[in-house]
Amino acid sequence: MRKIDLKNWRLNVENDKKICVSVPGDVTNDLYEAGIISDPLFGDNLKKADYVFHRDWTYDTVFSLTEEDLKRDRIVLCFVGIDTLSEIS
């Protein structure tokens, strides 16, 4: 079995703007690290960033499979730390 570590994840922030992130991770922390929101653990900053919890967020990455991979009966994707309200496509 061949294992591919999925790297180079991006969080789609708005329209065509994407930021590089680490996965597993957290949207709120990713936005803070990118300077898009203020420190959510300071004062009432989390209230100011309330919109973060009321919209859908998309993470993406790209990876390649070989012809040999595609001929296999089964390909398994294993994710760690996915939120309960997630969709993978």
N, C-alpha and C. Protein backbone atom coordinates (compact mmCIF):
# COMPACT_ATOMS: atom_id res chain seq x y z
N MET A 1 0.83 -1.18 0.00
CA MET A 1 0.00 0.00 0.00
C MET A 1 0.88 1.24 0.00
N ARG A 2 0.52 2.20 -0.82
CA ARG A 2 1.26 3.46 -0.90
C ARG A 2 0.53 4.51 -0.09
N LYS A 3 1.27 5.25 0.72
CA LYS A 3 0.69 6.30 1.54
C LYS A 3 1.12 7.66 0.99
N ILE A 4 0.14 8.55 0.84
CA ILE A 4 0.42 9.90 0.38
C ILE A 4 0.01 10.85 1.51
N ASP A 5 0.95 11.63 2.01
CA ASP A 5 0.61 12.65 3.01
C ASP A 5 0.10 13.87 2.27
N LEU A 6 -1.12 14.27 2.57
CA LEU A 6 -1.70 15.43 1.91
C LEU A 6 -1.16 16.70 2.55
N LYS A 7 -0.52 17.52 1.74
CA LYS A 7 0.11 18.74 2.24
C LYS A 7 -0.40 19.94 1.44
N ASN A 8 0.13 21.09 1.74
CA ASN A 8 -0.20 22.32 1.02
C ASN A 8 -1.69 22.63 1.03
N TRP A 9 -2.28 22.56 2.21
CA TRP A 9 -3.69 22.88 2.37
C TRP A 9 -3.90 24.38 2.32
N ARG A 10 -5.06 24.78 1.79
CA ARG A 10 -5.44 26.19 1.72
C ARG A 10 -6.86 26.33 2.25
N LEU A 11 -7.10 27.46 2.90
CA LEU A 11 -8.43 27.81 3.37
C LEU A 11 -8.96 28.90 2.44
N ASN A 12 -10.13 28.66 1.86
CA ASN A 12 -10.76 29.64 0.98
C ASN A 12 -11.44 30.68 1.86
N VAL A 13 -10.91 31.90 1.83
CA VAL A 13 -11.39 32.95 2.71
C VAL A 13 -12.55 33.72 2.08
N GLU A 14 -12.36 34.20 0.88
CA GLU A 14 -13.43 34.91 0.18
C GLU A 14 -13.09 34.97 -1.30
N ASN A 15 -14.10 34.89 -2.13
CA ASN A 15 -13.93 34.91 -3.58
C ASN A 15 -12.74 34.03 -3.98
N ASP A 16 -11.70 34.63 -4.53
CA ASP A 16 -10.54 33.86 -4.96
C ASP A 16 -9.38 33.93 -3.98
N LYS A 17 -9.61 34.53 -2.80
CA LYS A 17 -8.54 34.67 -1.81
C LYS A 17 -8.43 33.40 -0.98
N LYS A 18 -7.21 32.86 -0.94
CA LYS A 18 -6.94 31.65 -0.16
C LYS A 18 -5.71 31.89 0.69
N ILE A 19 -5.68 31.26 1.87
CA ILE A 19 -4.51 31.35 2.73
C ILE A 19 -3.97 29.95 3.00
N CYS A 20 -2.67 29.84 3.14
CA CYS A 20 -2.04 28.56 3.44
C CYS A 20 -2.25 28.24 4.91
N VAL A 21 -2.61 26.99 5.19
CA VAL A 21 -2.92 26.57 6.56
C VAL A 21 -2.32 25.21 6.84
N SER A 22 -2.32 24.85 8.11
CA SER A 22 -1.90 23.51 8.54
C SER A 22 -3.14 22.70 8.86
N VAL A 23 -3.12 21.45 8.49
CA VAL A 23 -4.24 20.54 8.75
C VAL A 23 -3.69 19.34 9.50
N PRO A 24 -4.34 18.85 10.58
CA PRO A 24 -5.59 19.39 11.10
C PRO A 24 -5.39 20.77 11.71
N GLY A 25 -6.47 21.52 11.74
CA GLY A 25 -6.39 22.88 12.25
C GLY A 25 -7.77 23.37 12.65
N ASP A 26 -7.90 24.68 12.65
CA ASP A 26 -9.13 25.31 13.13
C ASP A 26 -9.32 26.62 12.36
N VAL A 27 -10.51 26.84 11.83
CA VAL A 27 -10.78 28.04 11.04
C VAL A 27 -10.44 29.30 11.81
N THR A 28 -10.91 29.39 13.05
CA THR A 28 -10.68 30.59 13.84
C THR A 28 -9.19 30.86 14.00
N ASN A 29 -8.41 29.85 14.34
CA ASN A 29 -6.98 30.02 14.50
C ASN A 29 -6.31 30.35 13.16
N ASP A 30 -6.75 29.71 12.07
CA ASP A 30 -6.18 29.99 10.76
C ASP A 30 -6.40 31.45 10.36
N LEU A 31 -7.60 31.97 10.61
CA LEU A 31 -7.90 33.37 10.29
C LEU A 31 -7.08 34.32 11.16
N TYR A 32 -6.90 33.95 12.42
CA TYR A 32 -6.08 34.77 13.34
C TYR A 32 -4.62 34.78 12.87
N GLU A 33 -4.08 33.61 12.59
CA GLU A 33 -2.68 33.51 12.15
C GLU A 33 -2.43 34.29 10.85
N ALA A 34 -3.46 34.39 10.01
CA ALA A 34 -3.33 35.13 8.75
C ALA A 34 -3.58 36.62 8.92
N GLY A 35 -3.91 37.06 10.15
CA GLY A 35 -4.14 38.47 10.41
C GLY A 35 -5.50 38.97 9.95
N ILE A 36 -6.42 38.05 9.69
CA ILE A 36 -7.75 38.43 9.21
C ILE A 36 -8.67 38.80 10.36
N ILE A 37 -8.52 38.13 11.50
CA ILE A 37 -9.27 38.49 12.71
C ILE A 37 -8.27 38.72 13.85
N SER A 38 -8.72 39.46 14.85
CA SER A 38 -7.89 39.70 16.04
C SER A 38 -7.89 38.47 16.92
N ASP A 39 -6.96 38.43 17.86
CA ASP A 39 -6.82 37.29 18.77
C ASP A 39 -8.18 36.94 19.39
N PRO A 40 -8.75 35.79 19.05
CA PRO A 40 -10.08 35.43 19.55
C PRO A 40 -10.11 35.15 21.05
N LEU A 41 -8.96 34.99 21.67
CA LEU A 41 -8.90 34.72 23.10
C LEU A 41 -8.68 35.98 23.92
N PHE A 42 -8.69 37.14 23.26
CA PHE A 42 -8.46 38.41 23.95
C PHE A 42 -9.75 39.23 23.95
N GLY A 43 -10.12 39.70 25.13
CA GLY A 43 -11.27 40.58 25.27
C GLY A 43 -12.53 40.01 24.63
N ASP A 44 -13.24 40.85 23.88
CA ASP A 44 -14.46 40.39 23.23
C ASP A 44 -14.25 40.17 21.73
N ASN A 45 -13.00 39.90 21.34
CA ASN A 45 -12.68 39.69 19.92
C ASN A 45 -13.47 38.53 19.31
N LEU A 46 -13.76 37.52 20.11
CA LEU A 46 -14.50 36.38 19.57
C LEU A 46 -15.91 36.81 19.16
N LYS A 47 -16.51 37.72 19.92
CA LYS A 47 -17.83 38.25 19.55
C LYS A 47 -17.76 39.03 18.25
N LYS A 48 -16.66 39.78 18.07
CA LYS A 48 -16.49 40.57 16.85
C LYS A 48 -16.31 39.68 15.62
N ALA A 49 -15.83 38.46 15.84
CA ALA A 49 -15.60 37.53 14.73
C ALA A 49 -16.72 36.50 14.64
N ASP A 50 -17.88 36.85 15.14
CA ASP A 50 -19.02 35.92 15.18
C ASP A 50 -19.37 35.34 13.81
N TYR A 51 -19.13 36.11 12.75
CA TYR A 51 -19.44 35.64 11.40
C TYR A 51 -18.72 34.33 11.05
N VAL A 52 -17.59 34.11 11.70
CA VAL A 52 -16.80 32.90 11.43
C VAL A 52 -17.65 31.65 11.67
N PHE A 53 -18.53 31.70 12.64
CA PHE A 53 -19.32 30.53 13.02
C PHE A 53 -20.62 30.40 12.24
N HIS A 54 -20.91 31.37 11.39
CA HIS A 54 -22.18 31.39 10.68
C HIS A 54 -22.03 31.26 9.17
N ARG A 55 -20.91 30.74 8.72
CA ARG A 55 -20.74 30.50 7.29
C ARG A 55 -19.98 29.21 7.09
N ASP A 56 -20.03 28.72 5.88
CA ASP A 56 -19.29 27.49 5.54
C ASP A 56 -17.88 27.87 5.09
N TRP A 57 -16.95 27.01 5.42
CA TRP A 57 -15.55 27.23 5.06
C TRP A 57 -15.06 26.03 4.24
N THR A 58 -14.19 26.30 3.30
CA THR A 58 -13.67 25.23 2.44
C THR A 58 -12.15 25.19 2.52
N TYR A 59 -11.64 24.02 2.83
CA TYR A 59 -10.21 23.75 2.77
C TYR A 59 -9.96 22.92 1.51
N ASP A 60 -8.83 23.16 0.85
CA ASP A 60 -8.53 22.33 -0.31
C ASP A 60 -7.04 22.06 -0.43
N THR A 61 -6.74 21.02 -1.16
CA THR A 61 -5.37 20.67 -1.51
C THR A 61 -5.43 19.87 -2.81
N VAL A 62 -4.30 19.65 -3.41
CA VAL A 62 -4.23 18.88 -4.65
C VAL A 62 -3.22 17.77 -4.46
N PHE A 63 -3.55 16.61 -4.97
CA PHE A 63 -2.60 15.50 -4.94
C PHE A 63 -2.77 14.69 -6.22
N SER A 64 -1.76 13.90 -6.54
CA SER A 64 -1.78 13.13 -7.78
C SER A 64 -1.78 11.64 -7.48
N LEU A 65 -2.47 10.90 -8.31
CA LEU A 65 -2.47 9.45 -8.25
C LEU A 65 -1.85 8.92 -9.53
N THR A 66 -1.15 7.82 -9.41
CA THR A 66 -0.53 7.21 -10.58
C THR A 66 -1.55 6.33 -11.30
N GLU A 67 -1.21 5.92 -12.50
CA GLU A 67 -2.07 4.98 -13.23
C GLU A 67 -2.26 3.70 -12.42
N GLU A 68 -1.20 3.27 -11.76
CA GLU A 68 -1.26 2.07 -10.92
C GLU A 68 -2.25 2.26 -9.77
N ASP A 69 -2.21 3.44 -9.16
CA ASP A 69 -3.16 3.74 -8.08
C ASP A 69 -4.59 3.61 -8.58
N LEU A 70 -4.85 4.16 -9.75
CA LEU A 70 -6.21 4.19 -10.30
C LEU A 70 -6.71 2.80 -10.70
N LYS A 71 -5.81 1.86 -10.90
CA LYS A 71 -6.20 0.49 -11.27
C LYS A 71 -6.56 -0.36 -10.05
N ARG A 72 -6.28 0.15 -8.87
CA ARG A 72 -6.58 -0.60 -7.65
C ARG A 72 -8.09 -0.75 -7.47
N ASP A 73 -8.47 -1.81 -6.78
CA ASP A 73 -9.88 -2.04 -6.49
C ASP A 73 -10.44 -0.99 -5.53
N ARG A 74 -9.55 -0.47 -4.70
CA ARG A 74 -9.99 0.42 -3.66
C ARG A 74 -8.90 1.44 -3.33
N ILE A 75 -9.32 2.67 -3.11
CA ILE A 75 -8.43 3.74 -2.65
C ILE A 75 -9.04 4.29 -1.36
N VAL A 76 -8.23 4.38 -0.33
CA VAL A 76 -8.74 4.82 0.98
C VAL A 76 -8.17 6.20 1.29
N LEU A 77 -9.07 7.12 1.63
CA LEU A 77 -8.67 8.43 2.13
C LEU A 77 -8.91 8.42 3.63
N CYS A 78 -7.89 8.75 4.40
CA CYS A 78 -8.02 8.74 5.86
C CYS A 78 -7.76 10.16 6.36
N PHE A 79 -8.76 10.74 7.02
CA PHE A 79 -8.64 12.09 7.55
C PHE A 79 -8.65 12.03 9.07
N VAL A 80 -7.87 12.91 9.69
CA VAL A 80 -7.80 13.00 11.15
C VAL A 80 -8.29 14.37 11.56
N GLY A 81 -9.21 14.42 12.51
CA GLY A 81 -9.64 15.69 13.07
C GLY A 81 -10.68 16.43 12.25
N ILE A 82 -11.52 15.73 11.53
CA ILE A 82 -12.56 16.40 10.74
C ILE A 82 -13.76 16.71 11.63
N ASP A 83 -14.30 17.90 11.48
CA ASP A 83 -15.45 18.34 12.26
C ASP A 83 -16.65 17.45 11.93
N THR A 84 -17.57 17.34 12.86
CA THR A 84 -18.75 16.50 12.65
C THR A 84 -19.66 17.01 11.55
N LEU A 85 -19.58 18.29 11.23
CA LEU A 85 -20.41 18.86 10.18
C LEU A 85 -19.56 19.17 8.95
N SER A 86 -18.98 18.13 8.38
CA SER A 86 -18.08 18.30 7.24
C SER A 86 -18.56 17.52 6.04
N GLU A 87 -18.13 17.98 4.89
CA GLU A 87 -18.42 17.29 3.63
C GLU A 87 -17.12 17.18 2.87
N ILE A 88 -16.81 16.00 2.38
CA ILE A 88 -15.58 15.77 1.63
C ILE A 88 -15.94 15.48 0.19
N SER A 89 -15.32 16.20 -0.72
CA SER A 89 -15.57 15.95 -2.14
C SER A 89 -14.27 16.05 -2.92
